[in-house]
N, C-alpha and C. Protein backbone atom coordinates (compact mmCIF):
# COMPACT_ATOMS: atom_id res chain seq x y z
N MET A 1 102.39 42.09 42.11
CA MET A 1 102.64 40.89 41.01
C MET A 1 101.37 41.18 39.65
N SER A 2 102.01 41.56 38.56
CA SER A 2 101.21 41.95 37.51
C SER A 2 101.35 40.69 37.11
N GLY A 3 99.72 40.84 36.57
CA GLY A 3 99.72 39.04 35.68
C GLY A 3 99.05 37.89 36.34
N SER A 4 99.33 37.97 37.70
CA SER A 4 99.10 36.57 38.94
C SER A 4 97.32 36.87 39.19
N ALA A 5 96.81 38.15 39.07
CA ALA A 5 95.39 37.47 39.19
C ALA A 5 94.80 37.89 37.75
N PRO A 6 93.55 37.60 37.62
CA PRO A 6 92.77 37.67 36.07
C PRO A 6 91.75 38.99 36.28
N GLU A 7 92.08 39.84 35.43
CA GLU A 7 91.74 41.05 35.70
C GLU A 7 90.18 40.74 35.30
N ALA A 8 89.57 41.61 36.46
CA ALA A 8 88.04 41.92 36.34
C ALA A 8 87.18 42.22 35.11
N VAL A 9 86.24 41.37 34.82
CA VAL A 9 85.45 41.22 33.87
C VAL A 9 84.19 42.02 34.16
N SER A 10 83.89 43.49 33.48
CA SER A 10 82.68 44.18 33.47
C SER A 10 81.14 43.51 33.46
N SER A 11 80.31 42.99 34.06
CA SER A 11 79.02 42.53 33.71
C SER A 11 78.46 43.93 33.34
N ALA A 12 78.46 44.97 33.42
CA ALA A 12 77.42 45.87 33.15
C ALA A 12 76.99 45.69 31.54
N PRO A 13 76.10 46.26 31.65
CA PRO A 13 75.45 46.42 30.02
C PRO A 13 76.41 47.11 29.35
N PRO A 14 76.33 46.96 27.90
CA PRO A 14 77.03 47.90 27.07
C PRO A 14 76.68 49.57 27.15
N ALA A 15 77.67 50.47 26.79
CA ALA A 15 77.03 51.82 26.88
C ALA A 15 76.26 52.17 25.48
N PRO A 16 75.04 52.92 25.76
CA PRO A 16 74.45 52.90 24.74
C PRO A 16 75.10 53.59 23.33
N ARG A 17 76.11 53.93 23.11
CA ARG A 17 76.61 54.31 21.97
C ARG A 17 77.34 53.00 21.32
N SER A 18 77.75 52.33 22.34
CA SER A 18 78.35 50.70 22.01
C SER A 18 77.45 49.95 21.56
N ARG A 19 76.13 49.89 22.04
CA ARG A 19 75.16 49.41 21.66
C ARG A 19 74.59 49.58 20.19
N GLY A 20 74.58 51.12 19.70
CA GLY A 20 74.17 51.54 18.60
C GLY A 20 75.06 51.15 17.56
N LEU A 21 76.34 51.07 17.93
CA LEU A 21 77.09 51.01 16.86
C LEU A 21 77.36 49.60 15.92
N THR A 22 76.58 48.53 17.25
CA THR A 22 76.48 46.99 17.08
C THR A 22 75.65 46.77 16.25
N VAL A 23 74.26 47.66 16.36
CA VAL A 23 73.41 47.31 15.69
C VAL A 23 73.55 47.71 14.61
N ALA A 24 73.94 49.07 14.38
CA ALA A 24 74.61 49.63 12.71
C ALA A 24 75.06 48.55 12.19
N ALA A 25 76.07 47.89 12.86
CA ALA A 25 77.22 47.43 12.12
C ALA A 25 76.47 45.69 11.64
N GLY A 26 75.49 45.28 12.73
CA GLY A 26 74.85 44.16 12.12
C GLY A 26 73.81 44.33 11.19
N LEU A 27 73.26 45.44 10.94
CA LEU A 27 72.48 45.86 10.09
C LEU A 27 73.14 46.24 8.75
N LEU A 28 74.59 46.57 8.62
CA LEU A 28 75.17 46.84 7.56
C LEU A 28 75.81 45.54 7.11
N ALA A 29 76.07 44.65 8.09
CA ALA A 29 76.29 43.50 7.16
C ALA A 29 75.40 42.51 7.06
N ALA A 30 73.80 42.83 7.39
CA ALA A 30 72.74 41.78 7.13
C ALA A 30 72.74 42.62 5.78
N ALA A 31 72.61 43.65 5.10
CA ALA A 31 72.15 44.50 4.02
C ALA A 31 73.48 43.97 2.90
N VAL A 32 74.68 43.69 3.42
CA VAL A 32 75.89 43.14 2.30
C VAL A 32 75.40 41.71 2.08
N VAL A 33 75.27 40.97 3.13
CA VAL A 33 75.03 39.55 2.98
C VAL A 33 73.42 39.58 1.73
N ALA A 34 73.01 40.11 2.53
CA ALA A 34 71.32 40.14 1.44
C ALA A 34 71.53 40.75 -0.09
N VAL A 35 72.76 41.71 -0.06
CA VAL A 35 72.47 42.08 -1.56
C VAL A 35 73.51 40.47 -2.19
N LEU A 36 74.40 40.13 -1.54
CA LEU A 36 75.13 39.38 -2.29
C LEU A 36 74.34 37.96 -2.12
N GLY A 37 73.60 37.66 -1.36
CA GLY A 37 72.23 36.59 -1.71
C GLY A 37 71.59 37.15 -2.99
N ASN A 38 71.25 38.02 -2.91
CA ASN A 38 70.31 38.13 -4.14
C ASN A 38 71.01 38.64 -5.65
N VAL A 39 72.02 39.02 -5.23
CA VAL A 39 72.96 38.67 -6.55
C VAL A 39 73.12 37.17 -7.43
N VAL A 40 73.04 36.53 -5.99
CA VAL A 40 73.37 35.06 -6.62
C VAL A 40 71.79 34.69 -7.06
N VAL A 41 71.05 34.86 -6.70
CA VAL A 41 69.67 34.78 -7.03
C VAL A 41 69.46 35.43 -8.53
N ALA A 42 69.86 36.60 -8.82
CA ALA A 42 69.88 37.21 -10.18
C ALA A 42 70.63 36.07 -11.33
N VAL A 43 72.16 36.15 -10.90
CA VAL A 43 72.79 35.05 -11.69
C VAL A 43 72.42 34.03 -12.07
N LEU A 44 71.49 33.45 -11.30
CA LEU A 44 71.01 32.14 -11.50
C LEU A 44 69.87 32.44 -12.34
N ALA A 45 68.78 33.63 -11.82
CA ALA A 45 67.56 33.28 -12.65
C ALA A 45 68.21 33.81 -14.44
N HIS A 46 69.37 34.59 -14.40
CA HIS A 46 69.74 34.87 -15.81
C HIS A 46 70.27 33.57 -16.34
N ALA A 47 70.47 32.91 -15.86
CA ALA A 47 71.43 31.48 -16.19
C ALA A 47 70.50 30.65 -16.59
N ALA A 48 69.28 30.50 -16.14
CA ALA A 48 67.87 29.92 -16.04
C ALA A 48 66.97 30.56 -17.26
N GLY A 49 67.38 31.50 -17.91
CA GLY A 49 66.79 32.11 -18.89
C GLY A 49 66.06 33.13 -18.85
N ALA A 50 66.23 33.60 -17.41
CA ALA A 50 65.54 35.37 -17.29
C ALA A 50 65.80 36.30 -18.50
N SER A 51 64.90 37.20 -18.72
CA SER A 51 65.40 37.98 -19.63
C SER A 51 66.29 38.87 -19.01
N GLY A 52 67.14 39.65 -19.59
CA GLY A 52 68.35 40.85 -19.36
C GLY A 52 67.51 41.86 -19.18
N ASP A 53 66.48 42.01 -19.85
CA ASP A 53 65.96 43.05 -20.47
C ASP A 53 64.88 43.32 -18.52
N PHE A 54 64.61 42.57 -18.14
CA PHE A 54 63.83 42.86 -16.97
C PHE A 54 64.62 43.54 -15.72
N ALA A 55 64.55 44.91 -15.63
CA ALA A 55 65.53 45.56 -15.05
C ALA A 55 65.48 45.67 -13.79
N PRO A 56 64.10 45.17 -12.87
CA PRO A 56 64.34 44.66 -11.51
C PRO A 56 65.58 43.31 -10.88
N LEU A 57 66.14 42.97 -12.14
CA LEU A 57 66.79 42.04 -11.77
C LEU A 57 68.42 42.45 -11.85
N HIS A 58 68.40 44.07 -12.31
CA HIS A 58 69.81 44.34 -12.43
C HIS A 58 70.00 44.63 -11.02
N LEU A 59 71.07 44.75 -10.53
CA LEU A 59 71.84 45.03 -9.38
C LEU A 59 71.65 46.61 -9.04
N SER A 60 71.57 47.42 -9.98
CA SER A 60 70.97 48.64 -9.64
C SER A 60 69.68 49.27 -9.42
N ALA A 61 68.95 48.29 -9.57
CA ALA A 61 67.39 47.96 -9.21
C ALA A 61 67.31 47.50 -7.88
N TYR A 62 67.80 46.20 -7.16
CA TYR A 62 67.77 45.96 -6.23
C TYR A 62 68.29 45.79 -4.89
N ALA A 63 69.66 46.33 -5.27
CA ALA A 63 70.54 46.51 -4.08
C ALA A 63 70.20 47.63 -3.14
N PRO A 64 69.42 48.77 -3.89
CA PRO A 64 69.02 49.91 -2.95
C PRO A 64 67.69 49.40 -2.37
N LEU A 65 67.06 48.93 -3.01
CA LEU A 65 65.63 48.05 -2.29
C LEU A 65 65.85 47.24 -1.22
N THR A 66 67.02 46.40 -1.35
CA THR A 66 67.35 45.48 -0.26
C THR A 66 67.86 46.15 0.54
N VAL A 67 68.71 46.88 0.88
CA VAL A 67 68.73 48.10 1.76
C VAL A 67 67.69 48.28 2.53
N PHE A 68 66.88 49.25 1.96
CA PHE A 68 65.77 49.63 2.28
C PHE A 68 64.92 48.45 3.26
N GLY A 69 64.51 47.21 2.55
CA GLY A 69 64.07 46.55 3.19
C GLY A 69 64.93 45.83 4.49
N VAL A 70 66.04 45.97 4.60
CA VAL A 70 66.86 45.41 5.83
C VAL A 70 66.26 46.91 6.80
N VAL A 71 66.77 48.01 6.68
CA VAL A 71 66.73 48.79 7.45
C VAL A 71 64.95 49.04 7.84
N LEU A 72 63.84 49.16 6.98
CA LEU A 72 62.52 49.07 7.53
C LEU A 72 62.36 48.19 8.10
N GLY A 73 62.46 46.75 7.75
CA GLY A 73 62.12 45.73 8.83
C GLY A 73 63.22 46.19 9.82
N ALA A 74 64.04 46.40 10.02
CA ALA A 74 64.81 46.57 11.73
C ALA A 74 63.95 47.70 12.57
N ILE A 75 63.10 48.79 11.75
CA ILE A 75 62.72 49.27 12.68
C ILE A 75 61.22 48.78 13.23
N GLY A 76 60.57 48.10 12.12
CA GLY A 76 59.24 47.25 12.72
C GLY A 76 59.91 46.25 13.49
N TRP A 77 60.68 45.62 13.59
CA TRP A 77 61.29 44.75 14.59
C TRP A 77 61.44 45.63 15.87
N ALA A 78 61.93 46.73 15.73
CA ALA A 78 62.49 47.45 16.97
C ALA A 78 60.71 47.76 17.14
N VAL A 79 60.19 48.39 16.97
CA VAL A 79 58.83 48.48 16.96
C VAL A 79 58.16 47.54 17.94
N VAL A 80 57.69 46.29 17.29
CA VAL A 80 57.59 45.22 17.89
C VAL A 80 58.03 45.13 19.13
N ARG A 81 58.91 44.63 19.21
CA ARG A 81 59.89 44.36 20.51
C ARG A 81 59.47 45.06 21.64
N ARG A 82 59.61 46.52 21.28
CA ARG A 82 59.21 47.71 22.25
C ARG A 82 57.82 47.94 22.95
N VAL A 83 56.82 47.24 21.69
CA VAL A 83 55.24 47.76 22.45
C VAL A 83 54.50 46.45 22.16
N ALA A 84 54.85 45.15 22.15
CA ALA A 84 54.03 43.93 22.00
C ALA A 84 54.25 43.34 23.36
N LYS A 85 53.16 42.59 23.49
CA LYS A 85 53.33 41.85 24.71
C LYS A 85 54.32 40.55 24.84
N ASN A 86 53.97 40.02 23.78
CA ASN A 86 54.39 39.05 23.20
C ASN A 86 55.30 39.19 22.08
N PRO A 87 56.51 39.69 21.88
CA PRO A 87 56.94 40.27 20.31
C PRO A 87 57.37 38.50 19.77
N ALA A 88 57.70 37.80 20.54
CA ALA A 88 58.20 36.95 19.82
C ALA A 88 56.71 36.02 18.86
N GLY A 89 55.95 35.88 19.67
CA GLY A 89 54.92 35.36 19.07
C GLY A 89 54.35 36.18 18.05
N LEU A 90 53.71 37.57 17.96
CA LEU A 90 53.87 38.50 16.97
C LEU A 90 54.58 38.14 15.48
N LEU A 91 55.96 38.04 16.17
CA LEU A 91 56.98 38.26 14.85
C LEU A 91 56.98 36.98 14.26
N LEU A 92 56.51 35.75 14.95
CA LEU A 92 56.45 34.84 14.55
C LEU A 92 55.42 34.38 13.21
N TRP A 93 54.15 35.28 13.42
CA TRP A 93 53.22 35.28 12.22
C TRP A 93 53.32 36.25 11.36
N LEU A 94 53.78 37.43 11.80
CA LEU A 94 53.85 38.76 10.85
C LEU A 94 54.80 38.88 9.94
N VAL A 95 55.99 38.02 10.68
CA VAL A 95 57.09 38.40 9.32
C VAL A 95 56.73 37.53 8.14
N PRO A 96 55.81 36.39 8.05
CA PRO A 96 55.81 35.50 6.87
C PRO A 96 54.80 36.08 6.28
N VAL A 97 53.42 36.66 6.74
CA VAL A 97 52.63 37.40 6.11
C VAL A 97 53.23 38.58 5.39
N LEU A 98 54.38 39.33 6.05
CA LEU A 98 54.65 40.71 5.34
C LEU A 98 55.78 40.14 3.93
N VAL A 99 56.23 38.95 4.19
CA VAL A 99 57.03 38.80 3.44
C VAL A 99 55.85 38.35 2.03
N VAL A 100 54.88 37.69 2.30
CA VAL A 100 53.67 37.02 1.26
C VAL A 100 53.13 38.37 0.77
N VAL A 101 52.65 39.00 1.63
CA VAL A 101 52.18 40.89 0.89
C VAL A 101 53.14 41.26 0.19
N SER A 102 54.46 41.18 0.08
CA SER A 102 55.42 42.10 -0.60
C SER A 102 55.68 41.50 -1.63
N PHE A 103 55.23 40.64 -1.66
CA PHE A 103 55.15 39.54 -3.43
C PHE A 103 54.22 40.13 -3.98
N ALA A 104 53.14 41.17 -3.47
CA ALA A 104 51.95 41.62 -4.58
C ALA A 104 52.71 42.28 -5.79
N PRO A 105 53.59 43.46 -5.37
CA PRO A 105 54.24 44.05 -6.61
C PRO A 105 54.90 43.34 -7.49
N ASP A 106 55.79 42.31 -6.99
CA ASP A 106 56.47 41.36 -8.10
C ASP A 106 55.15 40.69 -8.80
N LEU A 107 53.86 40.10 -8.59
CA LEU A 107 53.14 39.65 -9.04
C LEU A 107 52.18 40.38 -10.32
N SER A 108 51.84 41.74 -9.96
CA SER A 108 51.47 42.57 -10.70
C SER A 108 52.06 42.77 -11.87
N LEU A 109 53.74 42.36 -12.04
CA LEU A 109 54.31 42.55 -13.30
C LEU A 109 54.06 41.26 -14.16
N LEU A 110 53.44 40.57 -13.51
CA LEU A 110 52.75 39.21 -14.82
C LEU A 110 52.05 39.81 -15.81
N GLY A 111 51.97 39.79 -16.79
CA GLY A 111 51.17 40.05 -17.96
C GLY A 111 50.89 41.87 -17.97
N GLY A 112 51.70 42.50 -17.26
CA GLY A 112 51.98 43.98 -17.37
C GLY A 112 52.83 44.32 -19.01
N GLY A 113 53.18 45.25 -18.93
CA GLY A 113 54.12 45.89 -20.15
C GLY A 113 55.56 45.81 -19.53
N THR A 114 55.59 45.29 -18.23
CA THR A 114 57.40 45.52 -17.95
C THR A 114 57.90 44.51 -19.07
N PRO A 115 59.04 44.91 -19.77
CA PRO A 115 60.04 44.48 -20.41
C PRO A 115 60.51 42.95 -19.84
N GLY A 116 60.39 41.74 -20.60
CA GLY A 116 61.14 41.02 -19.73
C GLY A 116 60.52 40.32 -18.37
N SER A 117 59.52 40.53 -18.26
CA SER A 117 58.63 40.05 -16.96
C SER A 117 57.74 38.98 -17.27
N GLY A 118 58.76 37.68 -16.99
CA GLY A 118 58.12 36.58 -17.50
C GLY A 118 57.77 35.83 -16.17
N PRO A 119 57.64 34.69 -16.01
CA PRO A 119 57.36 33.57 -14.60
C PRO A 119 58.59 33.49 -14.13
N LEU A 120 59.56 33.27 -14.93
CA LEU A 120 60.61 33.04 -14.54
C LEU A 120 61.46 34.16 -13.43
N ALA A 121 61.49 35.31 -14.05
CA ALA A 121 62.02 36.95 -13.64
C ALA A 121 61.31 37.43 -12.24
N VAL A 122 59.52 37.15 -12.36
CA VAL A 122 58.86 37.50 -11.10
C VAL A 122 59.68 36.48 -9.86
N ALA A 123 59.48 35.04 -10.44
CA ALA A 123 59.94 34.43 -9.10
C ALA A 123 61.04 34.65 -8.77
N ALA A 124 62.37 35.04 -9.39
CA ALA A 124 63.47 35.34 -8.87
C ALA A 124 63.07 36.59 -8.00
N LEU A 125 62.39 37.33 -8.28
CA LEU A 125 62.23 38.76 -7.43
C LEU A 125 61.23 38.46 -6.17
N MET A 126 60.61 37.37 -6.19
CA MET A 126 60.08 36.77 -5.18
C MET A 126 61.08 36.22 -4.25
N VAL A 127 61.92 35.37 -4.93
CA VAL A 127 62.91 34.43 -4.46
C VAL A 127 63.77 35.78 -3.17
N MET A 128 63.94 36.65 -3.90
CA MET A 128 64.98 37.54 -3.22
C MET A 128 64.27 38.47 -1.98
N HIS A 129 63.11 38.53 -2.31
CA HIS A 129 62.16 39.00 -0.58
C HIS A 129 62.23 37.68 0.39
N VAL A 130 62.40 36.72 0.10
CA VAL A 130 62.61 35.71 1.00
C VAL A 130 64.41 35.72 1.54
N VAL A 131 65.26 35.81 0.42
CA VAL A 131 66.37 35.88 1.21
C VAL A 131 66.90 36.81 1.84
N VAL A 132 66.05 38.25 1.76
CA VAL A 132 66.37 39.44 2.44
C VAL A 132 65.84 39.28 3.63
N ALA A 133 64.78 38.69 4.02
CA ALA A 133 63.87 38.22 5.40
C ALA A 133 64.79 37.50 6.06
N VAL A 134 65.27 36.11 5.31
CA VAL A 134 66.10 35.29 5.97
C VAL A 134 67.36 35.61 6.72
N VAL A 135 67.55 36.58 5.79
CA VAL A 135 69.15 37.43 6.63
C VAL A 135 68.99 38.47 7.38
N ALA A 136 67.89 39.19 7.25
CA ALA A 136 67.60 40.21 8.39
C ALA A 136 66.99 39.76 9.33
N VAL A 137 65.84 38.55 9.59
CA VAL A 137 65.55 38.21 10.65
C VAL A 137 66.88 37.73 11.44
N ALA A 138 67.86 36.74 10.95
CA ALA A 138 68.79 36.32 11.83
C ALA A 138 69.71 37.36 12.11
N ALA A 139 69.90 38.42 11.55
CA ALA A 139 70.68 39.70 12.28
C ALA A 139 69.63 40.52 13.29
N TYR A 140 68.76 40.38 13.15
CA TYR A 140 67.55 41.35 13.83
C TYR A 140 67.93 40.25 15.50
N ARG A 141 67.44 39.21 14.99
CA ARG A 141 67.62 38.52 16.52
C ARG A 141 69.09 38.44 17.42
N ARG A 142 70.02 38.94 16.44
CA ARG A 142 71.59 38.96 17.04
C ARG A 142 71.93 40.22 17.73
N VAL A 143 71.25 40.96 17.10
CA VAL A 143 71.49 42.86 17.40
C VAL A 143 70.07 43.18 17.88
N LEU A 144 69.35 42.89 17.78
CA LEU A 144 67.93 43.19 18.39
C LEU A 144 67.46 42.16 19.15
N PRO A 145 67.65 41.58 20.12
CA PRO A 145 67.28 40.31 20.31
C PRO A 145 65.87 40.74 21.27
N LEU A 146 65.13 39.93 21.23
CA LEU A 146 63.76 39.57 21.45
C LEU A 146 63.64 39.61 23.29
N PRO A 147 63.13 40.35 23.93
CA PRO A 147 63.09 40.25 25.46
C PRO A 147 62.51 39.00 25.61
N VAL A 148 62.83 38.18 26.95
CA VAL A 148 62.59 37.18 27.54
C VAL A 148 61.17 37.90 28.63
N ARG A 149 59.97 37.11 27.94
CA ARG A 149 58.71 37.47 29.09
C ARG A 149 58.44 36.32 29.58
């Protein structure tokens, strides 16, 4: 009798290729969402008075760096989850520290010769770092879950 018994559901872990595609799709989605979040930050910064001369607030400048940050963060996340005895504990302090450290290049633009690098523009860049971190960590937790130890 067809259809009378439920089909068996496999409890086997996903195949490595399927897992790789899941991770790649998750990172792609994170990159897209992070870029869109940064578009919102840039638009709001310009609406609030940030100079249009400030090149780092142009999509062509921050979009590639956003994607790079998502990918670099994923590599770091994967290394920590593989080698750390307590990856969740390590990432709990490591992620915020790295985000704060990432503010250094932005802060160095204050008082420099970069056109339009006022406090509002630099603050927007710093907010962009936070946007990328929040979106990326949410994606990593989903596609690169931490082991339960």
